[in-house]
Amino acid sequence: MSQTNMFNLCNRYHGRNVRITCHDGKVYTGEITRVERDMVWIRPSSDLGGYGFGYWGYRRRRSFGIGIAIGTIVGIVLASAFLW
């Protein structure tokens, strides 16, 4: 999938819980909080299998989360598909 198509897909899922798989095999699960032309920001969700980052604390609501380069993403699916 091209970087433009991945950018459009990230924008379509903005604000939703997703599961992102990268070329290096890493999987991130959480809410897409921001999308830029070359980066997508995801706030990890520990209840959906995401990584339990302990540094969120009181800043969680103001933070965009973890930045993932759009060029490294292999696929994005809605996380709700894994909860049925």
PDB file of N, CA and C in Angstrom:
ATOM      1  N   MET A   1       0.851  -1.171   0.000  1.00  0.00           N
ATOM      2  CA  MET A   1       0.000   0.000   0.000  1.00  0.00           C
ATOM      3  C   MET A   1       0.895   1.232   0.000  1.00  0.00           C
ATOM      4  N   SER A   2       0.544   2.214  -0.822  1.00  0.00           N
ATOM      5  CA  SER A   2       1.371   3.410  -0.918  1.00  0.00           C
ATOM      6  C   SER A   2       1.228   4.268   0.345  1.00  0.00           C
ATOM      7  N   GLN A   3       2.178   5.170   0.509  1.00  0.00           N
ATOM      8  CA  GLN A   3       2.177   6.033   1.684  1.00  0.00           C
ATOM      9  C   GLN A   3       0.945   6.947   1.673  1.00  0.00           C
ATOM     10  N   THR A   4       0.513   7.391   0.502  1.00  0.00           N
ATOM     11  CA  THR A   4      -0.680   8.230   0.402  1.00  0.00           C
ATOM     12  C   THR A   4      -1.918   7.456   0.819  1.00  0.00           C
ATOM     13  N   ASN A   5      -2.039   6.214   0.369  1.00  0.00           N
ATOM     14  CA  ASN A   5      -3.181   5.385   0.758  1.00  0.00           C
ATOM     15  C   ASN A   5      -3.179   5.119   2.261  1.00  0.00           C
ATOM     16  N   MET A   6      -1.988   4.876   2.834  1.00  0.00           N
ATOM     17  CA  MET A   6      -1.892   4.624   4.271  1.00  0.00           C
ATOM     18  C   MET A   6      -2.266   5.888   5.053  1.00  0.00           C
ATOM     19  N   PHE A   7      -1.851   7.049   4.561  1.00  0.00           N
ATOM     20  CA  PHE A   7      -2.212   8.327   5.180  1.00  0.00           C
ATOM     21  C   PHE A   7      -3.738   8.492   5.191  1.00  0.00           C
ATOM     22  N   ASN A   8      -4.370   8.195   4.062  1.00  0.00           N
ATOM     23  CA  ASN A   8      -5.831   8.311   3.970  1.00  0.00           C
ATOM     24  C   ASN A   8      -6.524   7.323   4.905  1.00  0.00           C
ATOM     25  N   LEU A   9      -5.988   6.109   5.011  1.00  0.00           N
ATOM     26  CA  LEU A   9      -6.555   5.109   5.912  1.00  0.00           C
ATOM     27  C   LEU A   9      -6.431   5.562   7.369  1.00  0.00           C
ATOM     28  N   CYS A  10      -5.285   6.119   7.726  1.00  0.00           N
ATOM     29  CA  CYS A  10      -5.087   6.630   9.087  1.00  0.00           C
ATOM     30  C   CYS A  10      -6.081   7.745   9.391  1.00  0.00           C
ATOM     31  N   ASN A  11      -6.302   8.631   8.427  1.00  0.00           N
ATOM     32  CA  ASN A  11      -7.274   9.710   8.620  1.00  0.00           C
ATOM     33  C   ASN A  11      -8.691   9.163   8.782  1.00  0.00           C
ATOM     34  N   ARG A  12      -9.018   8.127   8.043  1.00  0.00           N
ATOM     35  CA  ARG A  12     -10.356   7.529   8.146  1.00  0.00           C
ATOM     36  C   ARG A  12     -10.582   6.929   9.536  1.00  0.00           C
ATOM     37  N   TYR A  13      -9.520   6.377  10.146  1.00  0.00           N
ATOM     38  CA  TYR A  13      -9.630   5.742  11.458  1.00  0.00           C
ATOM     39  C   TYR A  13      -9.261   6.679  12.616  1.00  0.00           C
ATOM     40  N   HIS A  14      -9.032   7.955  12.344  1.00  0.00           N
ATOM     41  CA  HIS A  14      -8.665   8.917  13.389  1.00  0.00           C
ATOM     42  C   HIS A  14      -9.708   8.905  14.506  1.00  0.00           C
ATOM     43  N   GLY A  15      -9.235   8.804  15.761  1.00  0.00           N
ATOM     44  CA  GLY A  15     -10.125   8.790  16.917  1.00  0.00           C
ATOM     45  C   GLY A  15     -10.683   7.415  17.247  1.00  0.00           C
ATOM     46  N   ARG A  16     -10.300   6.403  16.494  1.00  0.00           N
ATOM     47  CA  ARG A  16     -10.807   5.051  16.719  1.00  0.00           C
ATOM     48  C   ARG A  16      -9.686   4.152  17.210  1.00  0.00           C
ATOM     49  N   ASN A  17     -10.071   3.067  17.866  1.00  0.00           N
ATOM     50  CA  ASN A  17      -9.090   2.087  18.336  1.00  0.00           C
ATOM     51  C   ASN A  17      -8.718   1.173  17.180  1.00  0.00           C
ATOM     52  N   VAL A  18      -7.421   1.089  16.920  1.00  0.00           N
ATOM     53  CA  VAL A  18      -6.915   0.307  15.798  1.00  0.00           C
ATOM     54  C   VAL A  18      -5.775  -0.596  16.248  1.00  0.00           C
ATOM     55  N   ARG A  19      -5.421  -1.498  15.365  1.00  0.00           N
ATOM     56  CA  ARG A  19      -4.246  -2.350  15.551  1.00  0.00           C
ATOM     57  C   ARG A  19      -3.345  -2.099  14.348  1.00  0.00           C
ATOM     58  N   ILE A  20      -2.141  -1.567  14.612  1.00  0.00           N
ATOM     59  CA  ILE A  20      -1.189  -1.220  13.556  1.00  0.00           C
ATOM     60  C   ILE A  20      -0.031  -2.206  13.582  1.00  0.00           C
ATOM     61  N   THR A  21       0.281  -2.769  12.422  1.00  0.00           N
ATOM     62  CA  THR A  21       1.413  -3.679  12.272  1.00  0.00           C
ATOM     63  C   THR A  21       2.463  -2.999  11.406  1.00  0.00           C
ATOM     64  N   CYS A  22       3.726  -3.017  11.871  1.00  0.00           N
ATOM     65  CA  CYS A  22       4.824  -2.382  11.151  1.00  0.00           C
ATOM     66  C   CYS A  22       5.689  -3.427  10.445  1.00  0.00           C
ATOM     67  N   HIS A  23       6.534  -2.947   9.536  1.00  0.00           N
ATOM     68  CA  HIS A  23       7.433  -3.828   8.778  1.00  0.00           C
ATOM     69  C   HIS A  23       8.339  -4.664   9.674  1.00  0.00           C
ATOM     70  N   ASP A  24       8.746  -4.117  10.826  1.00  0.00           N
ATOM     71  CA  ASP A  24       9.655  -4.838  11.715  1.00  0.00           C
ATOM     72  C   ASP A  24       8.939  -5.846  12.608  1.00  0.00           C
ATOM     73  N   GLY A  25       7.619  -6.003  12.428  1.00  0.00           N
ATOM     74  CA  GLY A  25       6.860  -6.978  13.205  1.00  0.00           C
ATOM     75  C   GLY A  25       6.213  -6.431  14.461  1.00  0.00           C
ATOM     76  N   LYS A  26       6.512  -5.204  14.830  1.00  0.00           N
ATOM     77  CA  LYS A  26       5.893  -4.619  16.016  1.00  0.00           C
ATOM     78  C   LYS A  26       4.412  -4.362  15.758  1.00  0.00           C
ATOM     79  N   VAL A  27       3.622  -4.579  16.792  1.00  0.00           N
ATOM     80  CA  VAL A  27       2.180  -4.356  16.709  1.00  0.00           C
ATOM     81  C   VAL A  27       1.785  -3.368  17.794  1.00  0.00           C
ATOM     82  N   TYR A  28       1.067  -2.333  17.411  1.00  0.00           N
ATOM     83  CA  TYR A  28       0.597  -1.322  18.339  1.00  0.00           C
ATOM     84  C   TYR A  28      -0.926  -1.323  18.320  1.00  0.00           C
ATOM     85  N   THR A  29      -1.526  -1.266  19.494  1.00  0.00           N
ATOM     86  CA  THR A  29      -2.976  -1.210  19.603  1.00  0.00           C
ATOM     87  C   THR A  29      -3.344  -0.002  20.439  1.00  0.00           C
ATOM     88  N   GLY A  30      -4.255   0.813  19.928  1.00  0.00           N
ATOM     89  CA  GLY A  30      -4.688   1.991  20.653  1.00  0.00           C
ATOM     90  C   GLY A  30      -5.451   2.940  19.761  1.00  0.00           C
ATOM     91  N   GLU A  31      -5.692   4.136  20.279  1.00  0.00           N
ATOM     92  CA  GLU A  31      -6.478   5.144  19.574  1.00  0.00           C
ATOM     93  C   GLU A  31      -5.573   6.057  18.753  1.00  0.00           C
ATOM     94  N   ILE A  32      -5.928   6.274  17.493  1.00  0.00           N
ATOM     95  CA  ILE A  32      -5.195   7.232  16.664  1.00  0.00           C
ATOM     96  C   ILE A  32      -5.594   8.621  17.125  1.00  0.00           C
ATOM     97  N   THR A  33      -4.600   9.398  17.590  1.00  0.00           N
ATOM     98  CA  THR A  33      -4.884  10.716  18.141  1.00  0.00           C
ATOM     99  C   THR A  33      -4.491  11.853  17.205  1.00  0.00           C
ATOM    100  N   ARG A  34      -3.615  11.579  16.241  1.00  0.00           N
ATOM    101  CA  ARG A  34      -3.164  12.622  15.320  1.00  0.00           C
ATOM    102  C   ARG A  34      -2.585  11.960  14.080  1.00  0.00           C
ATOM    103  N   VAL A  35      -2.804  12.582  12.930  1.00  0.00           N
ATOM    104  CA  VAL A  35      -2.252  12.066  11.676  1.00  0.00           C
ATOM    105  C   VAL A  35      -1.579  13.216  10.946  1.00  0.00           C
ATOM    106  N   GLU A  36      -0.313  12.998  10.598  1.00  0.00           N
ATOM    107  CA  GLU A  36       0.428  13.955   9.786  1.00  0.00           C
ATOM    108  C   GLU A  36       0.797  13.256   8.489  1.00  0.00           C
ATOM    109  N   ARG A  37       1.321  13.993   7.527  1.00  0.00           N
ATOM    110  CA  ARG A  37       1.634  13.426   6.222  1.00  0.00           C
ATOM    111  C   ARG A  37       2.593  12.226   6.326  1.00  0.00           C
ATOM    112  N   ASP A  38       3.531  12.241   7.276  1.00  0.00           N
ATOM    113  CA  ASP A  38       4.513  11.162   7.373  1.00  0.00           C
ATOM    114  C   ASP A  38       4.506  10.440   8.724  1.00  0.00           C
ATOM    115  N   MET A  39       3.544  10.767   9.605  1.00  0.00           N
ATOM    116  CA  MET A  39       3.543  10.194  10.951  1.00  0.00           C
ATOM    117  C   MET A  39       2.112  10.044  11.439  1.00  0.00           C
ATOM    118  N   VAL A  40       1.869   8.944  12.131  1.00  0.00           N
ATOM    119  CA  VAL A  40       0.589   8.742  12.805  1.00  0.00           C
ATOM    120  C   VAL A  40       0.887   8.582  14.289  1.00  0.00           C
ATOM    121  N   TRP A  41       0.052   9.187  15.122  1.00  0.00           N
ATOM    122  CA  TRP A  41       0.240   9.149  16.569  1.00  0.00           C
ATOM    123  C   TRP A  41      -0.838   8.275  17.166  1.00  0.00           C
ATOM    124  N   ILE A  42      -0.426   7.349  18.025  1.00  0.00           N
ATOM    125  CA  ILE A  42      -1.357   6.412  18.632  1.00  0.00           C
ATOM    126  C   ILE A  42      -1.176   6.417  20.144  1.00  0.00           C
ATOM    127  N   ARG A  43      -2.293   6.486  20.869  1.00  0.00           N
ATOM    128  CA  ARG A  43      -2.266   6.407  22.329  1.00  0.00           C
ATOM    129  C   ARG A  43      -2.512   4.942  22.688  1.00  0.00           C
ATOM    130  N   PRO A  44      -1.508   4.252  23.212  1.00  0.00           N
ATOM    131  CA  PRO A  44      -1.646   2.825  23.519  1.00  0.00           C
ATOM    132  C   PRO A  44      -2.807   2.544  24.461  1.00  0.00           C
ATOM    133  N   SER A  45      -3.431   1.418  24.247  1.00  0.00           N
ATOM    134  CA  SER A  45      -4.561   1.009  25.062  1.00  0.00           C
ATOM    135  C   SER A  45      -4.248  -0.353  25.651  1.00  0.00           C
ATOM    136  N   SER A  46      -3.954  -0.389  26.940  1.00  0.00           N
ATOM    137  CA  SER A  46      -3.558  -1.649  27.574  1.00  0.00           C
ATOM    138  C   SER A  46      -4.707  -2.644  27.621  1.00  0.00           C
ATOM    139  N   ASP A  47      -5.956  -2.171  27.651  1.00  0.00           N
ATOM    140  CA  ASP A  47      -7.068  -3.111  27.701  1.00  0.00           C
ATOM    141  C   ASP A  47      -7.345  -3.767  26.355  1.00  0.00           C
ATOM    142  N   LEU A  48      -6.721  -3.281  25.292  1.00  0.00           N
ATOM    143  CA  LEU A  48      -6.891  -3.892  23.974  1.00  0.00           C
ATOM    144  C   LEU A  48      -5.625  -4.600  23.522  1.00  0.00           C
ATOM    145  N   GLY A  49      -4.732  -4.912  24.440  1.00  0.00           N
ATOM    146  CA  GLY A  49      -3.526  -5.644  24.083  1.00  0.00           C
ATOM    147  C   GLY A  49      -2.344  -4.763  23.731  1.00  0.00           C
ATOM    148  N   GLY A  50      -2.455  -3.455  23.922  1.00  0.00           N
ATOM    149  CA  GLY A  50      -1.347  -2.557  23.619  1.00  0.00           C
ATOM    150  C   GLY A  50      -0.272  -2.643  24.681  1.00  0.00           C
ATOM    151  N   TYR A  51       0.823  -1.986  24.435  1.00  0.00           N
ATOM    152  CA  TYR A  51       1.915  -1.988  25.387  1.00  0.00           C
ATOM    153  C   TYR A  51       1.550  -1.115  26.582  1.00  0.00           C
ATOM    154  N   GLY A  52       1.849  -1.565  27.783  1.00  0.00           N
ATOM    155  CA  GLY A  52       1.492  -0.830  28.997  1.00  0.00           C
ATOM    156  C   GLY A  52       2.546   0.188  29.366  1.00  0.00           C
ATOM    157  N   PHE A  53       2.598   1.305  28.662  1.00  0.00           N
ATOM    158  CA  PHE A  53       3.588   2.319  28.942  1.00  0.00           C
ATOM    159  C   PHE A  53       3.223   3.047  30.228  1.00  0.00           C
ATOM    160  N   GLY A  54       4.107   3.018  31.200  1.00  0.00           N
ATOM    161  CA  GLY A  54       3.820   3.590  32.497  1.00  0.00           C
ATOM    162  C   GLY A  54       4.022   5.084  32.591  1.00  0.00           C
ATOM    163  N   TYR A  55       4.596   5.713  31.574  1.00  0.00           N
ATOM    164  CA  TYR A  55       4.907   7.129  31.685  1.00  0.00           C
ATOM    165  C   TYR A  55       3.757   8.043  31.305  1.00  0.00           C
ATOM    166  N   TRP A  56       2.607   7.513  30.961  1.00  0.00           N
ATOM    167  CA  TRP A  56       1.494   8.363  30.545  1.00  0.00           C
ATOM    168  C   TRP A  56       1.000   9.218  31.705  1.00  0.00           C
ATOM    169  N   GLY A  57       0.698   8.590  32.826  1.00  0.00           N
ATOM    170  CA  GLY A  57       0.294   9.312  34.034  1.00  0.00           C
ATOM    171  C   GLY A  57      -0.736  10.396  33.801  1.00  0.00           C
ATOM    172  N   TYR A  58      -0.512  11.537  34.413  1.00  0.00           N
ATOM    173  CA  TYR A  58      -1.474  12.625  34.338  1.00  0.00           C
ATOM    174  C   TYR A  58      -1.475  13.325  32.983  1.00  0.00           C
ATOM    175  N   ARG A  59      -0.438  13.112  32.167  1.00  0.00           N
ATOM    176  CA  ARG A  59      -0.340  13.799  30.883  1.00  0.00           C
ATOM    177  C   ARG A  59      -1.052  13.043  29.770  1.00  0.00           C
ATOM    178  N   ARG A  60      -1.674  11.928  30.062  1.00  0.00           N
ATOM    179  CA  ARG A  60      -2.250  11.081  29.024  1.00  0.00           C
ATOM    180  C   ARG A  60      -3.251  11.828  28.133  1.00  0.00           C
ATOM    181  N   ARG A  61      -4.097  12.642  28.700  1.00  0.00           N
ATOM    182  CA  ARG A  61      -5.105  13.334  27.902  1.00  0.00           C
ATOM    183  C   ARG A  61      -4.509  14.379  26.981  1.00  0.00           C
ATOM    184  N   ARG A  62      -3.392  14.988  27.363  1.00  0.00           N
ATOM    185  CA  ARG A  62      -2.791  16.033  26.545  1.00  0.00           C
ATOM    186  C   ARG A  62      -1.783  15.481  25.546  1.00  0.00           C
ATOM    187  N   SER A  63      -1.401  14.256  25.688  1.00  0.00           N
ATOM    188  CA  SER A  63      -0.364  13.667  24.849  1.00  0.00           C
ATOM    189  C   SER A  63      -0.968  13.069  23.583  1.00  0.00           C
ATOM    190  N   PHE A  64      -0.217  13.139  22.491  1.00  0.00           N
ATOM    191  CA  PHE A  64      -0.645  12.502  21.252  1.00  0.00           C
ATOM    192  C   PHE A  64      -0.340  11.012  21.270  1.00  0.00           C
ATOM    193  N   GLY A  65       0.585  10.576  22.097  1.00  0.00           N
ATOM    194  CA  GLY A  65       0.939   9.167  22.186  1.00  0.00           C
ATOM    195  C   GLY A  65       2.267   8.870  21.512  1.00  0.00           C
ATOM    196  N   ILE A  66       2.349   7.704  20.914  1.00  0.00           N
ATOM    197  CA  ILE A  66       3.564   7.239  20.262  1.00  0.00           C
ATOM    198  C   ILE A  66       3.504   7.571  18.776  1.00  0.00           C
ATOM    199  N   GLY A  67       4.576   8.135  18.250  1.00  0.00           N
ATOM    200  CA  GLY A  67       4.637   8.436  16.825  1.00  0.00           C
ATOM    201  C   GLY A  67       5.137   7.236  16.043  1.00  0.00           C
ATOM    202  N   ILE A  68       4.429   6.896  14.989  1.00  0.00           N
ATOM    203  CA  ILE A  68       4.807   5.789  14.108  1.00  0.00           C
ATOM    204  C   ILE A  68       4.909   6.353  12.701  1.00  0.00           C
ATOM    205  N   ALA A  69       6.052   6.155  12.053  1.00  0.00           N
ATOM    206  CA  ALA A  69       6.227   6.641  10.689  1.00  0.00           C
ATOM    207  C   ALA A  69       5.289   5.885   9.756  1.00  0.00           C
ATOM    208  N   ILE A  70       4.552   6.625   8.945  1.00  0.00           N
ATOM    209  CA  ILE A  70       3.582   6.003   8.049  1.00  0.00           C
ATOM    210  C   ILE A  70       4.274   5.049   7.081  1.00  0.00           C
ATOM    211  N   GLY A  71       5.503   5.355   6.677  1.00  0.00           N
ATOM    212  CA  GLY A  71       6.224   4.496   5.752  1.00  0.00           C
ATOM    213  C   GLY A  71       6.580   3.138   6.325  1.00  0.00           C
ATOM    214  N   THR A  72       6.531   2.971   7.649  1.00  0.00           N
ATOM    215  CA  THR A  72       6.872   1.686   8.262  1.00  0.00           C
ATOM    216  C   THR A  72       5.660   0.797   8.498  1.00  0.00           C
ATOM    217  N   ILE A  73       4.456   1.317   8.238  1.00  0.00           N
ATOM    218  CA  ILE A  73       3.227   0.574   8.533  1.00  0.00           C
ATOM    219  C   ILE A  73       2.894  -0.397   7.408  1.00  0.00           C
ATOM    220  N   VAL A  74       2.636  -1.638   7.799  1.00  0.00           N
ATOM    221  CA  VAL A  74       2.231  -2.668   6.846  1.00  0.00           C
ATOM    222  C   VAL A  74       0.715  -2.709   6.743  1.00  0.00           C
ATOM    223  N   GLY A  75       0.033  -2.617   7.888  1.00  0.00           N
ATOM    224  CA  GLY A  75      -1.416  -2.699   7.870  1.00  0.00           C
ATOM    225  C   GLY A  75      -2.067  -2.085   9.087  1.00  0.00           C
ATOM    226  N   ILE A  76      -3.320  -1.676   8.898  1.00  0.00           N
ATOM    227  CA  ILE A  76      -4.127  -1.122   9.978  1.00  0.00           C
ATOM    228  C   ILE A  76      -5.502  -1.779   9.913  1.00  0.00           C
ATOM    229  N   VAL A  77      -5.958  -2.252  11.061  1.00  0.00           N
ATOM    230  CA  VAL A  77      -7.319  -2.790  11.159  1.00  0.00           C
ATOM    231  C   VAL A  77      -7.961  -2.222  12.417  1.00  0.00           C
ATOM    232  N   LEU A  78      -9.281  -2.148  12.419  1.00  0.00           N
ATOM    233  CA  LEU A  78      -9.980  -1.691  13.605  1.00  0.00           C
ATOM    234  C   LEU A  78      -9.797  -2.701  14.719  1.00  0.00           C
ATOM    235  N   ALA A  79      -9.479  -2.223  15.901  1.00  0.00           N
ATOM    236  CA  ALA A  79      -9.236  -3.116  17.044  1.00  0.00           C
ATOM    237  C   ALA A  79     -10.515  -3.834  17.464  1.00  0.00           C
ATOM    238  N   SER A  80     -11.669  -3.243  17.194  1.00  0.00           N
ATOM    239  CA  SER A  80     -12.936  -3.881  17.567  1.00  0.00           C
ATOM    240  C   SER A  80     -13.114  -5.223  16.864  1.00  0.00           C
ATOM    241  N   ALA A  81     -12.446  -5.437  15.749  1.00  0.00           N
ATOM    242  CA  ALA A  81     -12.536  -6.703  15.041  1.00  0.00           C
ATOM    243  C   ALA A  81     -11.939  -7.846  15.859  1.00  0.00           C
ATOM    244  N   PHE A  82     -11.076  -7.524  16.824  1.00  0.00           N
ATOM    245  CA  PHE A  82     -10.448  -8.551  17.651  1.00  0.00           C
ATOM    246  C   PHE A  82     -11.186  -8.808  18.947  1.00  0.00           C
ATOM    247  N   LEU A  83     -12.263  -8.092  19.194  1.00  0.00           N
ATOM    248  CA  LEU A  83     -12.951  -8.198  20.483  1.00  0.00           C
ATOM    249  C   LEU A  83     -14.249  -8.979  20.416  1.00  0.00           C
ATOM    250  N   TRP A  84     -14.595  -9.591  19.332  1.00  0.00           N
ATOM    251  CA  TRP A  84     -15.841 -10.357  19.245  1.00  0.00           C
ATOM    252  C   TRP A  84     -15.589 -11.733  19.573  1.00  0.00           C
TER     253      TRP A  84
END
